[in-house]
Every structure is written in C-alpha cells, then in structure tokens.
Amino acid sequence: MFKYRQAELKSNMPPYLRHLEYTKGFDVTAIIAGPDDSPYESGLFAVAIAFDDYYLIFVFATPIYHLNVSDTRVVNALQLNSSESLE
C-alpha cells in the first residue's frame, strides 16, 4: 500500500512540491515552494521528514526564520497542533 502511495504522489505531485525522494523506510526528503502571498513566496525550501516511533520529525535543511521553527531547523509540530488559544 505504501509503495502504491509513493508512486501515486510522485506521478501527481501537488503544485507546491518541487522534488520528492524517499530515503530509508518512510523517511522523505523534498523541496517545497513557499506559499503564495507570504514572505516565503519566491523561495524553495529543502526539508527532511522522518517518522520515529512516536511522532513525525520535520526538519528544514534550508535556513528559515519562523516562530514554530527552532534554531536547529526542527518544526515544533506540538505547538502547531495546540488547541490553546492566545488571549
């Protein structure tokens, strides 16, 4: 099933995905385009996505400055998915 999904995604990539390579197991490296109407609009960003036993690890290979990205380029997914509101 996973091999089928890999082939399907590679043959029909979303417009923001410029390159996709599967490394070991379920790990992925990719190049994504910055979203339209944002400060990152004209940029291309290399990312490494790894799945460990407990959660997804998403690391930017390209330096990026964002509140949810640490200085080691790891995305803080727990903070992104938080249901706490800022009041």
PDB file of N, CA and C in Angstrom:
ATOM      1  N   MET A   1       0.819  -1.192   0.000  1.00  0.00           N
ATOM      2  CA  MET A   1       0.000   0.000   0.000  1.00  0.00           C
ATOM      3  C   MET A   1       0.871   1.268   0.000  1.00  0.00           C
ATOM      4  N   PHE A   2       1.924   1.270   0.833  1.00  0.00           N
ATOM      5  CA  PHE A   2       2.785   2.448   0.906  1.00  0.00           C
ATOM      6  C   PHE A   2       3.513   2.682  -0.417  1.00  0.00           C
ATOM      7  N   LYS A   3       4.000   1.614  -1.049  1.00  0.00           N
ATOM      8  CA  LYS A   3       4.694   1.757  -2.343  1.00  0.00           C
ATOM      9  C   LYS A   3       3.753   2.358  -3.387  1.00  0.00           C
ATOM     10  N   TYR A   4       2.479   1.951  -3.351  1.00  0.00           N
ATOM     11  CA  TYR A   4       1.491   2.499  -4.278  1.00  0.00           C
ATOM     12  C   TYR A   4       1.326   3.998  -4.037  1.00  0.00           C
ATOM     13  N   ARG A   5       1.217   4.402  -2.782  1.00  0.00           N
ATOM     14  CA  ARG A   5       1.068   5.821  -2.443  1.00  0.00           C
ATOM     15  C   ARG A   5       2.294   6.626  -2.868  1.00  0.00           C
ATOM     16  N   GLN A   6       3.485   6.045  -2.711  1.00  0.00           N
ATOM     17  CA  GLN A   6       4.714   6.721  -3.147  1.00  0.00           C
ATOM     18  C   GLN A   6       4.647   7.010  -4.639  1.00  0.00           C
ATOM     19  N   ALA A   7       4.331   5.989  -5.426  1.00  0.00           N
ATOM     20  CA  ALA A   7       4.274   6.141  -6.881  1.00  0.00           C
ATOM     21  C   ALA A   7       3.179   7.131  -7.278  1.00  0.00           C
ATOM     22  N   GLU A   8       2.042   7.059  -6.614  1.00  0.00           N
ATOM     23  CA  GLU A   8       0.927   7.956  -6.906  1.00  0.00           C
ATOM     24  C   GLU A   8       1.308   9.416  -6.641  1.00  0.00           C
ATOM     25  N   LEU A   9       1.947   9.676  -5.517  1.00  0.00           N
ATOM     26  CA  LEU A   9       2.341  11.040  -5.176  1.00  0.00           C
ATOM     27  C   LEU A   9       3.413  11.560  -6.129  1.00  0.00           C
ATOM     28  N   LYS A  10       4.382  10.717  -6.482  1.00  0.00           N
ATOM     29  CA  LYS A  10       5.452  11.156  -7.395  1.00  0.00           C
ATOM     30  C   LYS A  10       4.912  11.470  -8.787  1.00  0.00           C
ATOM     31  N   SER A  11       3.887  10.732  -9.234  1.00  0.00           N
ATOM     32  CA  SER A  11       3.355  10.963 -10.577  1.00  0.00           C
ATOM     33  C   SER A  11       2.331  12.097 -10.607  1.00  0.00           C
ATOM     34  N   ASN A  12       1.820  12.499  -9.455  1.00  0.00           N
ATOM     35  CA  ASN A  12       0.803  13.544  -9.394  1.00  0.00           C
ATOM     36  C   ASN A  12       1.102  14.479  -8.222  1.00  0.00           C
ATOM     37  N   MET A  13       2.266  15.148  -8.287  1.00  0.00           N
ATOM     38  CA  MET A  13       2.703  15.991  -7.170  1.00  0.00           C
ATOM     39  C   MET A  13       1.870  17.267  -7.082  1.00  0.00           C
ATOM     40  N   PRO A  14       1.559  17.707  -5.853  1.00  0.00           N
ATOM     41  CA  PRO A  14       0.872  18.990  -5.676  1.00  0.00           C
ATOM     42  C   PRO A  14       1.751  20.127  -6.203  1.00  0.00           C
ATOM     43  N   PRO A  15       1.173  21.267  -6.568  1.00  0.00           N
ATOM     44  CA  PRO A  15       1.951  22.357  -7.174  1.00  0.00           C
ATOM     45  C   PRO A  15       3.055  22.918  -6.284  1.00  0.00           C
ATOM     46  N   TYR A  16       2.913  22.832  -4.970  1.00  0.00           N
ATOM     47  CA  TYR A  16       3.939  23.371  -4.067  1.00  0.00           C
ATOM     48  C   TYR A  16       5.115  22.421  -3.881  1.00  0.00           C
ATOM     49  N   LEU A  17       5.011  21.186  -4.339  1.00  0.00           N
ATOM     50  CA  LEU A  17       6.063  20.187  -4.170  1.00  0.00           C
ATOM     51  C   LEU A  17       6.912  20.150  -5.433  1.00  0.00           C
ATOM     52  N   ARG A  18       8.201  20.486  -5.311  1.00  0.00           N
ATOM     53  CA  ARG A  18       9.075  20.553  -6.482  1.00  0.00           C
ATOM     54  C   ARG A  18       9.936  19.305  -6.666  1.00  0.00           C
ATOM     55  N   HIS A  19      10.213  18.608  -5.593  1.00  0.00           N
ATOM     56  CA  HIS A  19      11.052  17.406  -5.654  1.00  0.00           C
ATOM     57  C   HIS A  19      10.660  16.520  -4.484  1.00  0.00           C
ATOM     58  N   LEU A  20      10.668  15.219  -4.708  1.00  0.00           N
ATOM     59  CA  LEU A  20      10.302  14.275  -3.659  1.00  0.00           C
ATOM     60  C   LEU A  20      11.168  13.040  -3.808  1.00  0.00           C
ATOM     61  N   GLU A  21      11.828  12.654  -2.730  1.00  0.00           N
ATOM     62  CA  GLU A  21      12.679  11.460  -2.761  1.00  0.00           C
ATOM     63  C   GLU A  21      12.477  10.675  -1.474  1.00  0.00           C
ATOM     64  N   TYR A  22      12.201   9.398  -1.633  1.00  0.00           N
ATOM     65  CA  TYR A  22      12.048   8.530  -0.464  1.00  0.00           C
ATOM     66  C   TYR A  22      13.412   7.965  -0.117  1.00  0.00           C
ATOM     67  N   THR A  23      13.799   8.110   1.133  1.00  0.00           N
ATOM     68  CA  THR A  23      15.078   7.577   1.586  1.00  0.00           C
ATOM     69  C   THR A  23      14.790   6.255   2.276  1.00  0.00           C
ATOM     70  N   LYS A  24      15.284   6.027   3.447  1.00  0.00           N
ATOM     71  CA  LYS A  24      15.056   4.737   4.111  1.00  0.00           C
ATOM     72  C   LYS A  24      13.663   4.659   4.734  1.00  0.00           C
ATOM     73  N   GLY A  25      13.050   3.499   4.651  1.00  0.00           N
ATOM     74  CA  GLY A  25      11.742   3.294   5.278  1.00  0.00           C
ATOM     75  C   GLY A  25      10.713   4.287   4.801  1.00  0.00           C
ATOM     76  N   PHE A  26      10.129   5.018   5.745  1.00  0.00           N
ATOM     77  CA  PHE A  26       9.108   6.004   5.426  1.00  0.00           C
ATOM     78  C   PHE A  26       9.664   7.419   5.370  1.00  0.00           C
ATOM     79  N   ASP A  27      10.967   7.588   5.513  1.00  0.00           N
ATOM     80  CA  ASP A  27      11.562   8.920   5.534  1.00  0.00           C
ATOM     81  C   ASP A  27      11.570   9.532   4.137  1.00  0.00           C
ATOM     82  N   VAL A  28      11.429  10.854   4.090  1.00  0.00           N
ATOM     83  CA  VAL A  28      11.286  11.566   2.822  1.00  0.00           C
ATOM     84  C   VAL A  28      12.153  12.824   2.850  1.00  0.00           C
ATOM     85  N   THR A  29      12.755  13.153   1.709  1.00  0.00           N
ATOM     86  CA  THR A  29      13.342  14.478   1.518  1.00  0.00           C
ATOM     87  C   THR A  29      12.558  15.133   0.389  1.00  0.00           C
ATOM     88  N   ALA A  30      12.370  16.437   0.489  1.00  0.00           N
ATOM     89  CA  ALA A  30      11.559  17.131  -0.507  1.00  0.00           C
ATOM     90  C   ALA A  30      12.018  18.573  -0.636  1.00  0.00           C
ATOM     91  N   ILE A  31      11.618  19.188  -1.735  1.00  0.00           N
ATOM     92  CA  ILE A  31      11.786  20.624  -1.916  1.00  0.00           C
ATOM     93  C   ILE A  31      10.386  21.184  -2.116  1.00  0.00           C
ATOM     94  N   ILE A  32      10.028  22.152  -1.261  1.00  0.00           N
ATOM     95  CA  ILE A  32       8.701  22.748  -1.350  1.00  0.00           C
ATOM     96  C   ILE A  32       8.824  24.231  -1.670  1.00  0.00           C
ATOM     97  N   ALA A  33       7.834  24.747  -2.375  1.00  0.00           N
ATOM     98  CA  ALA A  33       7.797  26.166  -2.719  1.00  0.00           C
ATOM     99  C   ALA A  33       7.100  26.930  -1.609  1.00  0.00           C
ATOM    100  N   GLY A  34       7.560  28.149  -1.373  1.00  0.00           N
ATOM    101  CA  GLY A  34       6.905  28.999  -0.376  1.00  0.00           C
ATOM    102  C   GLY A  34       5.485  29.325  -0.796  1.00  0.00           C
ATOM    103  N   PRO A  35       4.576  29.472   0.168  1.00  0.00           N
ATOM    104  CA  PRO A  35       3.176  29.749  -0.152  1.00  0.00           C
ATOM    105  C   PRO A  35       2.984  31.121  -0.800  1.00  0.00           C
ATOM    106  N   ASP A  36       2.014  31.201  -1.704  1.00  0.00           N
ATOM    107  CA  ASP A  36       1.676  32.481  -2.335  1.00  0.00           C
ATOM    108  C   ASP A  36       1.262  33.495  -1.279  1.00  0.00           C
ATOM    109  N   ASP A  37       1.458  34.760  -1.590  1.00  0.00           N
ATOM    110  CA  ASP A  37       1.063  35.865  -0.710  1.00  0.00           C
ATOM    111  C   ASP A  37       1.666  35.761   0.685  1.00  0.00           C
ATOM    112  N   SER A  38       2.920  35.343   0.752  1.00  0.00           N
ATOM    113  CA  SER A  38       3.625  35.264   2.033  1.00  0.00           C
ATOM    114  C   SER A  38       5.054  35.758   1.826  1.00  0.00           C
ATOM    115  N   PRO A  39       5.785  36.036   2.899  1.00  0.00           N
ATOM    116  CA  PRO A  39       7.186  36.447   2.745  1.00  0.00           C
ATOM    117  C   PRO A  39       8.050  35.359   2.099  1.00  0.00           C
ATOM    118  N   TYR A  40       7.579  34.119   2.104  1.00  0.00           N
ATOM    119  CA  TYR A  40       8.340  32.993   1.560  1.00  0.00           C
ATOM    120  C   TYR A  40       7.954  32.670   0.118  1.00  0.00           C
ATOM    121  N   GLU A  41       7.124  33.499  -0.510  1.00  0.00           N
ATOM    122  CA  GLU A  41       6.518  33.216  -1.808  1.00  0.00           C
ATOM    123  C   GLU A  41       7.509  32.813  -2.894  1.00  0.00           C
ATOM    124  N   SER A  42       8.619  33.475  -3.023  1.00  0.00           N
ATOM    125  CA  SER A  42       9.541  33.175  -4.122  1.00  0.00           C
ATOM    126  C   SER A  42      10.606  32.146  -3.745  1.00  0.00           C
ATOM    127  N   GLY A  43      10.533  31.599  -2.543  1.00  0.00           N
ATOM    128  CA  GLY A  43      11.576  30.688  -2.074  1.00  0.00           C
ATOM    129  C   GLY A  43      11.283  29.221  -2.319  1.00  0.00           C
ATOM    130  N   LEU A  44      12.356  28.454  -2.371  1.00  0.00           N
ATOM    131  CA  LEU A  44      12.284  26.994  -2.400  1.00  0.00           C
ATOM    132  C   LEU A  44      12.982  26.503  -1.143  1.00  0.00           C
ATOM    133  N   PHE A  45      12.391  25.539  -0.458  1.00  0.00           N
ATOM    134  CA  PHE A  45      12.891  25.100   0.834  1.00  0.00           C
ATOM    135  C   PHE A  45      13.069  23.592   0.858  1.00  0.00           C
ATOM    136  N   ALA A  46      14.286  23.160   1.190  1.00  0.00           N
ATOM    137  CA  ALA A  46      14.576  21.730   1.315  1.00  0.00           C
ATOM    138  C   ALA A  46      14.146  21.272   2.700  1.00  0.00           C
ATOM    139  N   VAL A  47      13.469  20.132   2.752  1.00  0.00           N
ATOM    140  CA  VAL A  47      13.003  19.594   4.033  1.00  0.00           C
ATOM    141  C   VAL A  47      13.326  18.108   4.120  1.00  0.00           C
ATOM    142  N   ALA A  48      13.499  17.648   5.337  1.00  0.00           N
ATOM    143  CA  ALA A  48      13.652  16.218   5.616  1.00  0.00           C
ATOM    144  C   ALA A  48      12.526  15.842   6.573  1.00  0.00           C
ATOM    145  N   ILE A  49      11.791  14.810   6.232  1.00  0.00           N
ATOM    146  CA  ILE A  49      10.667  14.368   7.051  1.00  0.00           C
ATOM    147  C   ILE A  49      10.962  12.950   7.502  1.00  0.00           C
ATOM    148  N   ALA A  50      10.996  12.752   8.806  1.00  0.00           N
ATOM    149  CA  ALA A  50      11.303  11.429   9.365  1.00  0.00           C
ATOM    150  C   ALA A  50      10.187  11.012  10.311  1.00  0.00           C
ATOM    151  N   PHE A  51       9.901   9.741  10.316  1.00  0.00           N
ATOM    152  CA  PHE A  51       8.897   9.190  11.215  1.00  0.00           C
ATOM    153  C   PHE A  51       9.617   8.332  12.236  1.00  0.00           C
ATOM    154  N   ASP A  52       9.501   8.703  13.515  1.00  0.00           N
ATOM    155  CA  ASP A  52      10.067   7.826  14.529  1.00  0.00           C
ATOM    156  C   ASP A  52       8.914   7.066  15.185  1.00  0.00           C
ATOM    157  N   ASP A  53       9.164   6.405  16.287  1.00  0.00           N
ATOM    158  CA  ASP A  53       8.141   5.563  16.910  1.00  0.00           C
ATOM    159  C   ASP A  53       6.963   6.352  17.468  1.00  0.00           C
ATOM    160  N   TYR A  54       7.129   7.627  17.751  1.00  0.00           N
ATOM    161  CA  TYR A  54       6.081   8.376  18.437  1.00  0.00           C
ATOM    162  C   TYR A  54       5.471   9.510  17.627  1.00  0.00           C
ATOM    163  N   TYR A  55       6.250  10.169  16.816  1.00  0.00           N
ATOM    164  CA  TYR A  55       5.706  11.298  16.077  1.00  0.00           C
ATOM    165  C   TYR A  55       6.572  11.616  14.866  1.00  0.00           C
ATOM    166  N   LEU A  56       6.090  12.529  14.078  1.00  0.00           N
ATOM    167  CA  LEU A  56       6.751  12.988  12.868  1.00  0.00           C
ATOM    168  C   LEU A  56       7.816  14.023  13.221  1.00  0.00           C
ATOM    169  N   ILE A  57       8.985  13.911  12.602  1.00  0.00           N
ATOM    170  CA  ILE A  57      10.047  14.907  12.781  1.00  0.00           C
ATOM    171  C   ILE A  57      10.228  15.605  11.435  1.00  0.00           C
ATOM    172  N   PHE A  58      10.044  16.912  11.419  1.00  0.00           N
ATOM    173  CA  PHE A  58      10.085  17.701  10.193  1.00  0.00           C
ATOM    174  C   PHE A  58      11.201  18.719  10.354  1.00  0.00           C
ATOM    175  N   VAL A  59      12.247  18.605   9.534  1.00  0.00           N
ATOM    176  CA  VAL A  59      13.424  19.472   9.659  1.00  0.00           C
ATOM    177  C   VAL A  59      13.655  20.208   8.343  1.00  0.00           C
ATOM    178  N   PHE A  60      13.805  21.524   8.422  1.00  0.00           N
ATOM    179  CA  PHE A  60      14.173  22.303   7.243  1.00  0.00           C
ATOM    180  C   PHE A  60      15.675  22.199   7.039  1.00  0.00           C
ATOM    181  N   ALA A  61      16.108  21.815   5.848  1.00  0.00           N
ATOM    182  CA  ALA A  61      17.528  21.830   5.507  1.00  0.00           C
ATOM    183  C   ALA A  61      17.943  23.258   5.154  1.00  0.00           C
ATOM    184  N   THR A  62      17.011  24.021   4.605  1.00  0.00           N
ATOM    185  CA  THR A  62      17.221  25.421   4.272  1.00  0.00           C
ATOM    186  C   THR A  62      17.000  26.263   5.532  1.00  0.00           C
ATOM    187  N   PRO A  63      17.886  27.221   5.841  1.00  0.00           N
ATOM    188  CA  PRO A  63      17.633  28.086   6.998  1.00  0.00           C
ATOM    189  C   PRO A  63      16.301  28.826   6.836  1.00  0.00           C
ATOM    190  N   ILE A  64      15.508  28.850   7.885  1.00  0.00           N
ATOM    191  CA  ILE A  64      14.207  29.526   7.853  1.00  0.00           C
ATOM    192  C   ILE A  64      13.977  30.185   9.208  1.00  0.00           C
ATOM    193  N   TYR A  65      13.335  31.325   9.188  1.00  0.00           N
ATOM    194  CA  TYR A  65      13.081  32.070  10.413  1.00  0.00           C
ATOM    195  C   TYR A  65      11.572  32.169  10.617  1.00  0.00           C
ATOM    196  N   HIS A  66      11.073  31.417  11.583  1.00  0.00           N
ATOM    197  CA  HIS A  66       9.644  31.362  11.870  1.00  0.00           C
ATOM    198  C   HIS A  66       9.479  31.017  13.347  1.00  0.00           C
ATOM    199  N   LEU A  67       8.405  31.471  13.956  1.00  0.00           N
ATOM    200  CA  LEU A  67       8.182  31.224  15.385  1.00  0.00           C
ATOM    201  C   LEU A  67       8.103  29.744  15.737  1.00  0.00           C
ATOM    202  N   ASN A  68       7.609  28.913  14.828  1.00  0.00           N
ATOM    203  CA  ASN A  68       7.449  27.487  15.112  1.00  0.00           C
ATOM    204  C   ASN A  68       8.622  26.641  14.633  1.00  0.00           C
ATOM    205  N   VAL A  69       9.713  27.286  14.221  1.00  0.00           N
ATOM    206  CA  VAL A  69      10.902  26.568  13.763  1.00  0.00           C
ATOM    207  C   VAL A  69      12.054  26.933  14.691  1.00  0.00           C
ATOM    208  N   SER A  70      12.676  25.913  15.288  1.00  0.00           N
ATOM    209  CA  SER A  70      13.773  26.164  16.231  1.00  0.00           C
ATOM    210  C   SER A  70      15.041  26.571  15.490  1.00  0.00           C
ATOM    211  N   ASP A  71      16.048  27.014  16.242  1.00  0.00           N
ATOM    212  CA  ASP A  71      17.314  27.392  15.612  1.00  0.00           C
ATOM    213  C   ASP A  71      18.057  26.184  15.048  1.00  0.00           C
ATOM    214  N   THR A  72      17.612  24.966  15.377  1.00  0.00           N
ATOM    215  CA  THR A  72      18.171  23.755  14.762  1.00  0.00           C
ATOM    216  C   THR A  72      17.327  23.312  13.573  1.00  0.00           C
ATOM    217  N   ARG A  73      16.363  24.165  13.157  1.00  0.00           N
ATOM    218  CA  ARG A  73      15.511  23.981  11.981  1.00  0.00           C
ATOM    219  C   ARG A  73      14.445  22.897  12.127  1.00  0.00           C
ATOM    220  N   VAL A  74      14.168  22.482  13.358  1.00  0.00           N
ATOM    221  CA  VAL A  74      13.119  21.491  13.600  1.00  0.00           C
ATOM    222  C   VAL A  74      11.797  22.224  13.805  1.00  0.00           C
ATOM    223  N   VAL A  75      10.746  21.757  13.120  1.00  0.00           N
ATOM    224  CA  VAL A  75       9.426  22.355  13.265  1.00  0.00           C
ATOM    225  C   VAL A  75       8.786  21.849  14.547  1.00  0.00           C
ATOM    226  N   ASN A  76       8.264  22.754  15.353  1.00  0.00           N
ATOM    227  CA  ASN A  76       7.595  22.394  16.593  1.00  0.00           C
ATOM    228  C   ASN A  76       6.144  22.041  16.280  1.00  0.00           C
ATOM    229  N   ALA A  77       5.907  20.799  15.854  1.00  0.00           N
ATOM    230  CA  ALA A  77       4.572  20.351  15.460  1.00  0.00           C
ATOM    231  C   ALA A  77       3.611  20.328  16.633  1.00  0.00           C
ATOM    232  N   LEU A  78       4.116  20.085  17.838  1.00  0.00           N
ATOM    233  CA  LEU A  78       3.225  20.073  19.002  1.00  0.00           C
ATOM    234  C   LEU A  78       2.604  21.447  19.215  1.00  0.00           C
ATOM    235  N   GLN A  79       3.393  22.482  19.018  1.00  0.00           N
ATOM    236  CA  GLN A  79       2.876  23.840  19.169  1.00  0.00           C
ATOM    237  C   GLN A  79       1.904  24.169  18.040  1.00  0.00           C
ATOM    238  N   LEU A  80       2.175  23.700  16.833  1.00  0.00           N
ATOM    239  CA  LEU A  80       1.290  23.956  15.702  1.00  0.00           C
ATOM    240  C   LEU A  80      -0.078  23.323  15.904  1.00  0.00           C
ATOM    241  N   ASN A  81      -0.120  22.155  16.540  1.00  0.00           N
ATOM    242  CA  ASN A  81      -1.370  21.433  16.723  1.00  0.00           C
ATOM    243  C   ASN A  81      -2.047  21.743  18.050  1.00  0.00           C
ATOM    244  N   SER A  82      -1.527  22.684  18.784  1.00  0.00           N
ATOM    245  CA  SER A  82      -2.078  23.007  20.098  1.00  0.00           C
ATOM    246  C   SER A  82      -3.460  23.632  19.963  1.00  0.00           C
ATOM    247  N   SER A  83      -4.361  23.259  20.860  1.00  0.00           N
ATOM    248  CA  SER A  83      -5.703  23.835  20.835  1.00  0.00           C
ATOM    249  C   SER A  83      -5.821  25.030  21.779  1.00  0.00           C
ATOM    250  N   GLU A  84      -4.718  25.364  22.442  1.00  0.00           N
ATOM    251  CA  GLU A  84      -4.747  26.512  23.348  1.00  0.00           C
ATOM    252  C   GLU A  84      -4.878  27.801  22.548  1.00  0.00           C
ATOM    253  N   SER A  85      -5.683  28.704  23.023  1.00  0.00           N
ATOM    254  CA  SER A  85      -5.831  29.982  22.326  1.00  0.00           C
ATOM    255  C   SER A  85      -4.973  31.034  23.008  1.00  0.00           C
ATOM    256  N   LEU A  86      -4.558  31.999  22.230  1.00  0.00           N
ATOM    257  CA  LEU A  86      -3.787  33.121  22.773  1.00  0.00           C
ATOM    258  C   LEU A  86      -4.755  34.258  23.036  1.00  0.00           C
ATOM    259  N   GLU A  87      -4.910  34.623  24.267  1.00  0.00           N
ATOM    260  CA  GLU A  87      -5.852  35.699  24.610  1.00  0.00           C
ATOM    261  C   GLU A  87      -5.129  36.879  25.185  1.00  0.00           C
TER     262      GLU A  87
END
